[in-house]
């Protein structure tokens, strides 16, 4: 009898359920965003969160944090009020560096935002943020689902102790169940066979574009390592912590890696292996 293949460990997403199963008809000219953000406290962002001079955590932590792979074909997300884009958050960290810095995170549960560890603990300065602002589905200077200050946060112990780039993971907890309104991504630990040449997607808040604008790209997984995935997606600094996700056969958006940094001509994310899957499950609130 042949060796049984390792099964995929999977936690489902929660997205369309936020609309109680209802959908809006595709009618040109109708303001979909008004309906999708209805019931949320939509408001303009204060000046401290809109300065074009905000830095980003990756450039301050790594010598070569992100890469453009071939032709840059990123495109902007023009409506961040719909799923899955409203589940992606811009992060603004204060107190970790001499300037406010930017990053990206993604909703993984009602009060849980997952991101890169270097957005939360800097080994260059030895500091963590004194304030973290989380803005789901940010659209320029507007917060369609309000903005929130972190209640608490944590990082993988290997990042905390020794700056292990293969454990560059962090979590932010909110004091409100924001995800029940926005929805959240699923995540899965998959086999090498199921990941090789897999089409994956990402979106986040790059620092080389107008502040607060979300940008999308897609590509394939090029290499599977035990703790890291390498992929041909264009990203820039500011997108650290973005979800690398599969839009699977069940129409679910499932994260298989957390974007963290770049290499020479490629980009890399921390793979959701069994260890990371268990850590994420333990972080969920």
C-alpha atoms as a PDB file:
ATOM      1  CA  UNK A   1       0.000   0.000   0.000  1.00  0.00           C
ATOM      2  CA  UNK A   2       1.400   3.430  -0.989  1.00  0.00           C
ATOM      3  CA  UNK A   3       2.097   6.136   1.531  1.00  0.00           C
ATOM      4  CA  UNK A   4      -0.969   8.224   2.228  1.00  0.00           C
ATOM      5  CA  UNK A   5      -0.660  11.841   1.108  1.00  0.00           C
ATOM      6  CA  UNK A   6      -0.638  14.435   3.829  1.00  0.00           C
ATOM      7  CA  UNK A   7      -4.006  16.154   3.994  1.00  0.00           C
ATOM      8  CA  UNK A   8      -4.444  19.926   3.762  1.00  0.00           C
ATOM      9  CA  UNK A   9      -5.212  21.602   7.096  1.00  0.00           C
ATOM     10  CA  UNK A  10      -7.780  24.273   6.428  1.00  0.00           C
ATOM     11  CA  UNK A  11      -9.667  26.986   8.299  1.00  0.00           C
ATOM     12  CA  UNK A  12     -12.415  28.521   6.185  1.00  0.00           C
ATOM     13  CA  UNK A  13     -12.928  32.182   5.382  1.00  0.00           C
ATOM     14  CA  UNK A  14     -15.889  34.271   6.538  1.00  0.00           C
ATOM     15  CA  UNK A  15     -16.785  36.802   3.862  1.00  0.00           C
ATOM     16  CA  UNK A  16     -20.075  36.481   1.983  1.00  0.00           C
ATOM     17  CA  UNK A  17     -21.673  35.451   5.281  1.00  0.00           C
ATOM     18  CA  UNK A  18     -21.300  39.064   6.480  1.00  0.00           C
ATOM     19  CA  UNK A  19     -24.062  39.992   4.008  1.00  0.00           C
ATOM     20  CA  UNK A  20     -26.326  37.206   5.340  1.00  0.00           C
ATOM     21  CA  UNK A  21     -26.106  35.584   1.914  1.00  0.00           C
ATOM     22  CA  UNK A  22     -27.451  38.579  -0.011  1.00  0.00           C
ATOM     23  CA  UNK A  23     -25.826  40.071  -3.102  1.00  0.00           C
ATOM     24  CA  UNK A  24     -26.158  43.362  -4.958  1.00  0.00           C
ATOM     25  CA  UNK A  25     -27.201  43.259  -8.582  1.00  0.00           C
ATOM     26  CA  UNK A  26     -24.490  44.515 -10.956  1.00  0.00           C
ATOM     27  CA  UNK A  27     -26.085  47.752 -12.171  1.00  0.00           C
ATOM     28  CA  UNK A  28     -23.736  50.337 -13.758  1.00  0.00           C
ATOM     29  CA  UNK A  29     -23.557  53.586 -11.810  1.00  0.00           C
ATOM     30  CA  UNK A  30     -24.965  52.269  -8.538  1.00  0.00           C
ATOM     31  CA  UNK A  31     -22.938  53.119  -5.419  1.00  0.00           C
ATOM     32  CA  UNK A  32     -22.113  49.626  -4.149  1.00  0.00           C
ATOM     33  CA  UNK A  33     -19.782  51.031  -1.498  1.00  0.00           C
ATOM     34  CA  UNK A  34     -22.640  52.840   0.247  1.00  0.00           C
ATOM     35  CA  UNK A  35     -24.477  49.572   0.837  1.00  0.00           C
ATOM     36  CA  UNK A  36     -21.398  47.534   1.736  1.00  0.00           C
ATOM     37  CA  UNK A  37     -20.249  49.988   4.411  1.00  0.00           C
ATOM     38  CA  UNK A  38     -23.769  50.752   5.646  1.00  0.00           C
ATOM     39  CA  UNK A  39     -23.952  50.397   9.414  1.00  0.00           C
ATOM     40  CA  UNK A  40     -20.246  51.174   9.872  1.00  0.00           C
ATOM     41  CA  UNK A  41     -18.880  54.480  11.095  1.00  0.00           C
ATOM     42  CA  UNK A  42     -17.355  55.667   7.824  1.00  0.00           C
ATOM     43  CA  UNK A  43     -15.212  58.752   8.280  1.00  0.00           C
ATOM     44  CA  UNK A  44     -12.297  60.781   7.018  1.00  0.00           C
ATOM     45  CA  UNK A  45      -8.909  60.010   8.558  1.00  0.00           C
ATOM     46  CA  UNK A  46      -7.107  62.523  10.806  1.00  0.00           C
ATOM     47  CA  UNK A  47      -4.021  64.319   9.534  1.00  0.00           C
ATOM     48  CA  UNK A  48      -1.624  62.135  11.544  1.00  0.00           C
ATOM     49  CA  UNK A  49      -2.655  59.184   9.332  1.00  0.00           C
ATOM     50  CA  UNK A  50      -2.551  60.960   5.976  1.00  0.00           C
ATOM     51  CA  UNK A  51       0.948  62.447   5.721  1.00  0.00           C
ATOM     52  CA  UNK A  52       2.720  61.473   2.509  1.00  0.00           C
ATOM     53  CA  UNK A  53       5.962  61.451   4.524  1.00  0.00           C
ATOM     54  CA  UNK A  54       5.030  58.368   6.535  1.00  0.00           C
ATOM     55  CA  UNK A  55       7.751  55.710   6.279  1.00  0.00           C
ATOM     56  CA  UNK A  56       7.359  51.948   6.132  1.00  0.00           C
ATOM     57  CA  UNK A  57       8.590  49.257   8.452  1.00  0.00           C
ATOM     58  CA  UNK A  58      10.250  47.036   5.848  1.00  0.00           C
ATOM     59  CA  UNK A  59      12.661  49.657   4.484  1.00  0.00           C
ATOM     60  CA  UNK A  60      13.748  50.478   8.021  1.00  0.00           C
ATOM     61  CA  UNK A  61      14.278  46.823   8.946  1.00  0.00           C
ATOM     62  CA  UNK A  62      15.774  45.188   5.819  1.00  0.00           C
ATOM     63  CA  UNK A  63      18.371  46.252   3.274  1.00  0.00           C
ATOM     64  CA  UNK A  64      16.271  44.878   0.375  1.00  0.00           C
ATOM     65  CA  UNK A  65      12.700  44.470   1.598  1.00  0.00           C
ATOM     66  CA  UNK A  66      10.631  43.944  -1.573  1.00  0.00           C
ATOM     67  CA  UNK A  67      11.067  43.314  -5.284  1.00  0.00           C
ATOM     68  CA  UNK A  68       9.428  44.033  -8.605  1.00  0.00           C
ATOM     69  CA  UNK A  69       9.356  40.821 -10.655  1.00  0.00           C
ATOM     70  CA  UNK A  70       9.562  41.606 -14.373  1.00  0.00           C
ATOM     71  CA  UNK A  71       7.078  44.221 -15.597  1.00  0.00           C
ATOM     72  CA  UNK A  72       5.217  45.946 -12.778  1.00  0.00           C
ATOM     73  CA  UNK A  73       1.574  45.161 -13.529  1.00  0.00           C
ATOM     74  CA  UNK A  74       0.022  45.990 -10.178  1.00  0.00           C
ATOM     75  CA  UNK A  75      -3.456  47.526 -10.415  1.00  0.00           C
ATOM     76  CA  UNK A  76      -5.373  49.603  -7.860  1.00  0.00           C
ATOM     77  CA  UNK A  77      -8.404  48.288  -6.007  1.00  0.00           C
ATOM     78  CA  UNK A  78     -11.015  50.925  -6.795  1.00  0.00           C
ATOM     79  CA  UNK A  79     -13.692  49.653  -4.386  1.00  0.00           C
ATOM     80  CA  UNK A  80     -12.285  48.485  -1.061  1.00  0.00           C
ATOM     81  CA  UNK A  81     -15.735  48.060   0.514  1.00  0.00           C
ATOM     82  CA  UNK A  82     -16.326  44.655  -1.089  1.00  0.00           C
ATOM     83  CA  UNK A  83     -14.778  41.312  -0.176  1.00  0.00           C
ATOM     84  CA  UNK A  84     -11.989  40.387   0.021  1.00  0.00           C
ATOM     85  CA  UNK A  85     -10.457  43.870  -0.148  1.00  0.00           C
ATOM     86  CA  UNK A  86     -12.238  45.167   2.950  1.00  0.00           C
ATOM     87  CA  UNK A  87     -10.538  42.369   4.927  1.00  0.00           C
ATOM     88  CA  UNK A  88      -7.125  43.920   4.135  1.00  0.00           C
ATOM     89  CA  UNK A  89      -5.956  46.659   6.500  1.00  0.00           C
ATOM     90  CA  UNK A  90      -3.395  49.400   6.399  1.00  0.00           C
ATOM     91  CA  UNK A  91      -1.397  49.607   9.620  1.00  0.00           C
ATOM     92  CA  UNK A  92       0.168  52.783  11.005  1.00  0.00           C
ATOM     93  CA  UNK A  93       2.734  52.215  13.771  1.00  0.00           C
ATOM     94  CA  UNK A  94       4.014  54.923  16.092  1.00  0.00           C
ATOM     95  CA  UNK A  95       6.959  54.811  18.492  1.00  0.00           C
ATOM     96  CA  UNK A  96       8.864  51.915  16.910  1.00  0.00           C
ATOM     97  CA  UNK A  97      11.090  54.151  14.756  1.00  0.00           C
ATOM     98  CA  UNK A  98      11.800  57.868  14.781  1.00  0.00           C
ATOM     99  CA  UNK A  99       8.911  58.317  12.355  1.00  0.00           C
ATOM    100  CA  UNK A 100       5.496  56.753  11.944  1.00  0.00           C
ATOM    101  CA  UNK A 101       5.700  53.703   9.690  1.00  0.00           C
ATOM    102  CA  UNK A 102       3.266  51.818   7.474  1.00  0.00           C
ATOM    103  CA  UNK A 103       2.479  48.158   6.960  1.00  0.00           C
ATOM    104  CA  UNK A 104      -0.332  45.843   5.869  1.00  0.00           C
ATOM    105  CA  UNK A 105      -2.374  43.263   7.760  1.00  0.00           C
ATOM    106  CA  UNK A 106      -5.424  41.095   7.133  1.00  0.00           C
ATOM    107  CA  UNK A 107      -8.458  40.109   9.144  1.00  0.00           C
ATOM    108  CA  UNK A 108      -8.231  36.484  10.314  1.00  0.00           C
ATOM    109  CA  UNK A 109     -10.999  36.483  12.911  1.00  0.00           C
ATOM    110  CA  UNK A 110     -13.506  38.779  14.627  1.00  0.00           C
ATOM    111  CA  UNK A 111     -10.812  40.673  16.577  1.00  0.00           C
ATOM    112  CA  UNK A 112      -7.627  39.289  14.968  1.00  0.00           C
ATOM    113  CA  UNK A 113      -5.353  40.930  12.385  1.00  0.00           C
ATOM    114  CA  UNK A 114      -2.329  38.959  11.155  1.00  0.00           C
ATOM    115  CA  UNK A 115       0.770  40.645   9.750  1.00  0.00           C
ATOM    116  CA  UNK A 116       4.576  40.495   9.552  1.00  0.00           C
ATOM    117  CA  UNK A 117       6.567  40.459  12.784  1.00  0.00           C
ATOM    118  CA  UNK A 118       8.791  43.340  11.689  1.00  0.00           C
ATOM    119  CA  UNK A 119       5.720  45.601  11.666  1.00  0.00           C
ATOM    120  CA  UNK A 120       5.496  45.078  15.426  1.00  0.00           C
ATOM    121  CA  UNK A 121       9.027  44.488  16.760  1.00  0.00           C
ATOM    122  CA  UNK A 122      12.063  46.220  15.269  1.00  0.00           C
ATOM    123  CA  UNK A 123      15.438  44.650  15.847  1.00  0.00           C
ATOM    124  CA  UNK A 124      17.071  47.749  14.412  1.00  0.00           C
ATOM    125  CA  UNK A 125      15.741  49.969  17.186  1.00  0.00           C
ATOM    126  CA  UNK A 126      14.876  47.370  19.813  1.00  0.00           C
ATOM    127  CA  UNK A 127      11.439  48.936  20.116  1.00  0.00           C
ATOM    128  CA  UNK A 128       7.786  48.076  19.524  1.00  0.00           C
ATOM    129  CA  UNK A 129       4.991  50.502  18.640  1.00  0.00           C
ATOM    130  CA  UNK A 130       3.423  52.630  21.337  1.00  0.00           C
ATOM    131  CA  UNK A 131       0.306  52.958  19.183  1.00  0.00           C
ATOM    132  CA  UNK A 132      -0.970  50.908  16.237  1.00  0.00           C
ATOM    133  CA  UNK A 133      -3.852  52.130  14.080  1.00  0.00           C
ATOM    134  CA  UNK A 134      -5.680  49.533  11.978  1.00  0.00           C
ATOM    135  CA  UNK A 135      -7.704  50.752   8.980  1.00  0.00           C
ATOM    136  CA  UNK A 136      -9.740  47.996   7.238  1.00  0.00           C
ATOM    137  CA  UNK A 137     -10.294  48.626   3.532  1.00  0.00           C
ATOM    138  CA  UNK A 138      -8.627  52.037   3.646  1.00  0.00           C
ATOM    139  CA  UNK A 139      -9.418  54.141   0.571  1.00  0.00           C
ATOM    140  CA  UNK A 140      -7.082  57.121   0.385  1.00  0.00           C
ATOM    141  CA  UNK A 141      -7.918  59.491   3.233  1.00  0.00           C
ATOM    142  CA  UNK A 142     -11.189  57.702   3.979  1.00  0.00           C
ATOM    143  CA  UNK A 143     -11.924  54.835   6.377  1.00  0.00           C
ATOM    144  CA  UNK A 144     -15.088  53.113   5.085  1.00  0.00           C
ATOM    145  CA  UNK A 145     -15.247  50.794   8.113  1.00  0.00           C
ATOM    146  CA  UNK A 146     -13.787  53.240  10.666  1.00  0.00           C
ATOM    147  CA  UNK A 147     -10.283  52.903  12.143  1.00  0.00           C
ATOM    148  CA  UNK A 148      -9.205  51.257  15.366  1.00  0.00           C
ATOM    149  CA  UNK A 149      -6.317  51.277  17.809  1.00  0.00           C
ATOM    150  CA  UNK A 150      -4.771  47.933  18.705  1.00  0.00           C
ATOM    151  CA  UNK A 151      -5.741  46.507  22.069  1.00  0.00           C
ATOM    152  CA  UNK A 152      -2.667  44.241  22.187  1.00  0.00           C
ATOM    153  CA  UNK A 153      -0.193  42.484  19.887  1.00  0.00           C
ATOM    154  CA  UNK A 154       2.367  39.696  19.789  1.00  0.00           C
ATOM    155  CA  UNK A 155       4.984  38.206  17.461  1.00  0.00           C
ATOM    156  CA  UNK A 156       6.372  34.732  16.870  1.00  0.00           C
ATOM    157  CA  UNK A 157       8.890  33.978  19.633  1.00  0.00           C
ATOM    158  CA  UNK A 158      11.642  33.246  17.080  1.00  0.00           C
ATOM    159  CA  UNK A 159      11.235  36.742  15.620  1.00  0.00           C
ATOM    160  CA  UNK A 160      11.190  38.291  19.076  1.00  0.00           C
ATOM    161  CA  UNK A 161      14.310  36.441  20.252  1.00  0.00           C
ATOM    162  CA  UNK A 162      16.607  36.320  17.244  1.00  0.00           C
ATOM    163  CA  UNK A 163      15.067  38.102  14.225  1.00  0.00           C
ATOM    164  CA  UNK A 164      14.546  34.805  12.414  1.00  0.00           C
ATOM    165  CA  UNK A 165      13.310  35.871   8.980  1.00  0.00           C
ATOM    166  CA  UNK A 166      11.580  32.507   8.539  1.00  0.00           C
ATOM    167  CA  UNK A 167       9.391  33.338  11.561  1.00  0.00           C
ATOM    168  CA  UNK A 168       8.591  36.958  10.658  1.00  0.00           C
ATOM    169  CA  UNK A 169       4.972  36.828  11.874  1.00  0.00           C
ATOM    170  CA  UNK A 170       2.839  38.936  14.160  1.00  0.00           C
ATOM    171  CA  UNK A 171      -0.710  39.438  15.371  1.00  0.00           C
ATOM    172  CA  UNK A 172      -2.760  42.451  16.420  1.00  0.00           C
ATOM    173  CA  UNK A 173      -5.852  42.140  18.573  1.00  0.00           C
ATOM    174  CA  UNK A 174      -8.671  44.671  18.476  1.00  0.00           C
ATOM    175  CA  UNK A 175     -11.098  45.396  21.302  1.00  0.00           C
ATOM    176  CA  UNK A 176     -14.048  45.336  18.898  1.00  0.00           C
ATOM    177  CA  UNK A 177     -15.293  42.472  16.726  1.00  0.00           C
ATOM    178  CA  UNK A 178     -14.503  44.324  13.492  1.00  0.00           C
ATOM    179  CA  UNK A 179     -14.290  41.082  11.508  1.00  0.00           C
ATOM    180  CA  UNK A 180     -17.957  40.335  12.055  1.00  0.00           C
ATOM    181  CA  UNK A 181     -18.635  43.337   9.796  1.00  0.00           C
ATOM    182  CA  UNK A 182     -15.760  43.087   7.317  1.00  0.00           C
ATOM    183  CA  UNK A 183     -15.333  39.303   7.239  1.00  0.00           C
ATOM    184  CA  UNK A 184     -11.996  37.523   7.365  1.00  0.00           C
ATOM    185  CA  UNK A 185      -9.643  35.314   5.357  1.00  0.00           C
ATOM    186  CA  UNK A 186      -9.228  31.605   5.897  1.00  0.00           C
ATOM    187  CA  UNK A 187      -5.775  30.019   6.002  1.00  0.00           C
ATOM    188  CA  UNK A 188      -4.385  26.585   5.220  1.00  0.00           C
ATOM    189  CA  UNK A 189      -1.305  24.425   5.566  1.00  0.00           C
ATOM    190  CA  UNK A 190      -0.922  22.753   2.178  1.00  0.00           C
ATOM    191  CA  UNK A 191       1.409  20.142   0.736  1.00  0.00           C
ATOM    192  CA  UNK A 192       4.285  21.032  -1.599  1.00  0.00           C
ATOM    193  CA  UNK A 193       2.434  19.250  -4.394  1.00  0.00           C
ATOM    194  CA  UNK A 194      -0.659  21.398  -3.928  1.00  0.00           C
ATOM    195  CA  UNK A 195       1.420  24.613  -3.838  1.00  0.00           C
ATOM    196  CA  UNK A 196       3.823  24.139  -6.760  1.00  0.00           C
ATOM    197  CA  UNK A 197       2.961  26.557  -9.603  1.00  0.00           C
ATOM    198  CA  UNK A 198      -0.251  27.456  -7.793  1.00  0.00           C
ATOM    199  CA  UNK A 199      -1.833  30.768  -8.822  1.00  0.00           C
ATOM    200  CA  UNK A 200      -1.897  33.078  -5.811  1.00  0.00           C
ATOM    201  CA  UNK A 201      -3.089  36.630  -5.225  1.00  0.00           C
ATOM    202  CA  UNK A 202      -2.138  39.504  -2.991  1.00  0.00           C
ATOM    203  CA  UNK A 203      -3.171  43.046  -2.203  1.00  0.00           C
ATOM    204  CA  UNK A 204      -1.810  45.586   0.202  1.00  0.00           C
ATOM    205  CA  UNK A 205      -0.757  49.179   0.743  1.00  0.00           C
ATOM    206  CA  UNK A 206       2.566  49.890  -1.038  1.00  0.00           C
ATOM    207  CA  UNK A 207       4.568  52.921   0.004  1.00  0.00           C
ATOM    208  CA  UNK A 208       5.478  53.839  -3.591  1.00  0.00           C
ATOM    209  CA  UNK A 209       1.842  54.714  -4.398  1.00  0.00           C
ATOM    210  CA  UNK A 210      -0.490  57.401  -3.052  1.00  0.00           C
ATOM    211  CA  UNK A 211      -0.863  56.826   0.672  1.00  0.00           C
ATOM    212  CA  UNK A 212      -3.831  54.702   1.659  1.00  0.00           C
ATOM    213  CA  UNK A 213      -4.440  53.154  -1.763  1.00  0.00           C
ATOM    214  CA  UNK A 214      -4.687  49.385  -2.045  1.00  0.00           C
ATOM    215  CA  UNK A 215      -3.007  47.569  -4.964  1.00  0.00           C
ATOM    216  CA  UNK A 216      -3.442  44.051  -6.354  1.00  0.00           C
ATOM    217  CA  UNK A 217      -1.182  41.564  -8.115  1.00  0.00           C
ATOM    218  CA  UNK A 218      -1.240  37.869  -8.967  1.00  0.00           C
ATOM    219  CA  UNK A 219       1.291  35.240  -9.980  1.00  0.00           C
ATOM    220  CA  UNK A 220       2.449  31.693  -9.313  1.00  0.00           C
ATOM    221  CA  UNK A 221       4.324  29.998  -6.525  1.00  0.00           C
ATOM    222  CA  UNK A 222       7.845  29.426  -7.868  1.00  0.00           C
ATOM    223  CA  UNK A 223       9.449  27.533  -5.003  1.00  0.00           C
ATOM    224  CA  UNK A 224       8.267  25.789  -1.849  1.00  0.00           C
ATOM    225  CA  UNK A 225      10.623  25.701   1.109  1.00  0.00           C
ATOM    226  CA  UNK A 226       9.710  24.249   4.489  1.00  0.00           C
ATOM    227  CA  UNK A 227       9.073  27.682   6.007  1.00  0.00           C
ATOM    228  CA  UNK A 228       8.992  30.066   3.043  1.00  0.00           C
ATOM    229  CA  UNK A 229       7.180  30.397  -0.295  1.00  0.00           C
ATOM    230  CA  UNK A 230       8.804  32.207  -3.201  1.00  0.00           C
ATOM    231  CA  UNK A 231       6.477  33.715  -5.790  1.00  0.00           C
ATOM    232  CA  UNK A 232       6.354  35.890  -8.866  1.00  0.00           C
ATOM    233  CA  UNK A 233       4.174  38.706  -7.553  1.00  0.00           C
ATOM    234  CA  UNK A 234       5.045  42.392  -7.673  1.00  0.00           C
ATOM    235  CA  UNK A 235       5.120  44.078  -4.272  1.00  0.00           C
ATOM    236  CA  UNK A 236       6.759  47.104  -2.735  1.00  0.00           C
ATOM    237  CA  UNK A 237       7.655  48.169   0.775  1.00  0.00           C
ATOM    238  CA  UNK A 238       4.586  48.935   2.834  1.00  0.00           C
ATOM    239  CA  UNK A 239       2.997  45.645   1.763  1.00  0.00           C
ATOM    240  CA  UNK A 240       4.765  43.591   4.424  1.00  0.00           C
ATOM    241  CA  UNK A 241       2.110  41.523   6.182  1.00  0.00           C
ATOM    242  CA  UNK A 242      -0.132  41.249   3.123  1.00  0.00           C
ATOM    243  CA  UNK A 243      -1.993  37.969   2.567  1.00  0.00           C
ATOM    244  CA  UNK A 244      -0.735  35.638  -0.154  1.00  0.00           C
ATOM    245  CA  UNK A 245      -3.994  33.859  -0.844  1.00  0.00           C
ATOM    246  CA  UNK A 246      -5.693  31.293  -3.031  1.00  0.00           C
ATOM    247  CA  UNK A 247      -9.125  31.897  -4.515  1.00  0.00           C
ATOM    248  CA  UNK A 248     -10.011  28.224  -4.362  1.00  0.00           C
ATOM    249  CA  UNK A 249     -12.530  25.855  -5.919  1.00  0.00           C
ATOM    250  CA  UNK A 250     -14.975  26.552  -3.079  1.00  0.00           C
ATOM    251  CA  UNK A 251     -14.869  30.300  -3.821  1.00  0.00           C
ATOM    252  CA  UNK A 252     -13.025  30.839  -0.540  1.00  0.00           C
ATOM    253  CA  UNK A 253     -10.035  33.146  -0.075  1.00  0.00           C
ATOM    254  CA  UNK A 254      -7.453  31.134   1.836  1.00  0.00           C
ATOM    255  CA  UNK A 255      -4.048  32.489   2.908  1.00  0.00           C
ATOM    256  CA  UNK A 256      -1.048  30.218   2.292  1.00  0.00           C
ATOM    257  CA  UNK A 257       1.708  32.714   3.208  1.00  0.00           C
ATOM    258  CA  UNK A 258       2.242  36.116   4.829  1.00  0.00           C
ATOM    259  CA  UNK A 259       4.256  38.464   2.634  1.00  0.00           C
ATOM    260  CA  UNK A 260       7.415  39.527   4.435  1.00  0.00           C
ATOM    261  CA  UNK A 261      10.370  40.576   2.276  1.00  0.00           C
ATOM    262  CA  UNK A 262      12.155  40.357  -1.057  1.00  0.00           C
ATOM    263  CA  UNK A 263      15.206  38.621  -2.427  1.00  0.00           C
ATOM    264  CA  UNK A 264      17.194  39.170  -5.603  1.00  0.00           C
ATOM    265  CA  UNK A 265      14.415  39.340  -8.203  1.00  0.00           C
ATOM    266  CA  UNK A 266      11.745  37.519  -6.198  1.00  0.00           C
ATOM    267  CA  UNK A 267       9.413  37.993  -3.261  1.00  0.00           C
ATOM    268  CA  UNK A 268       8.981  35.764  -0.262  1.00  0.00           C
ATOM    269  CA  UNK A 269       6.313  35.025   2.300  1.00  0.00           C
ATOM    270  CA  UNK A 270       6.255  33.061   5.526  1.00  0.00           C
ATOM    271  CA  UNK A 271       4.571  29.808   4.620  1.00  0.00           C
ATOM    272  CA  UNK A 272       1.537  28.574   6.525  1.00  0.00           C
ATOM    273  CA  UNK A 273       2.985  25.182   7.457  1.00  0.00           C
ATOM    274  CA  UNK A 274       1.605  23.055  10.286  1.00  0.00           C
ATOM    275  CA  UNK A 275       3.543  24.988  12.923  1.00  0.00           C
ATOM    276  CA  UNK A 276       2.275  28.335  11.636  1.00  0.00           C
ATOM    277  CA  UNK A 277      -1.263  26.972  11.257  1.00  0.00           C
ATOM    278  CA  UNK A 278      -1.261  25.990  14.930  1.00  0.00           C
ATOM    279  CA  UNK A 279       0.171  29.366  15.931  1.00  0.00           C
ATOM    280  CA  UNK A 280      -2.515  31.192  13.979  1.00  0.00           C
ATOM    281  CA  UNK A 281      -5.243  29.076  15.535  1.00  0.00           C
ATOM    282  CA  UNK A 282      -3.852  29.909  18.968  1.00  0.00           C
ATOM    283  CA  UNK A 283      -3.840  33.622  18.138  1.00  0.00           C
ATOM    284  CA  UNK A 284      -7.463  33.795  16.977  1.00  0.00           C
ATOM    285  CA  UNK A 285      -9.898  35.909  18.974  1.00  0.00           C
END
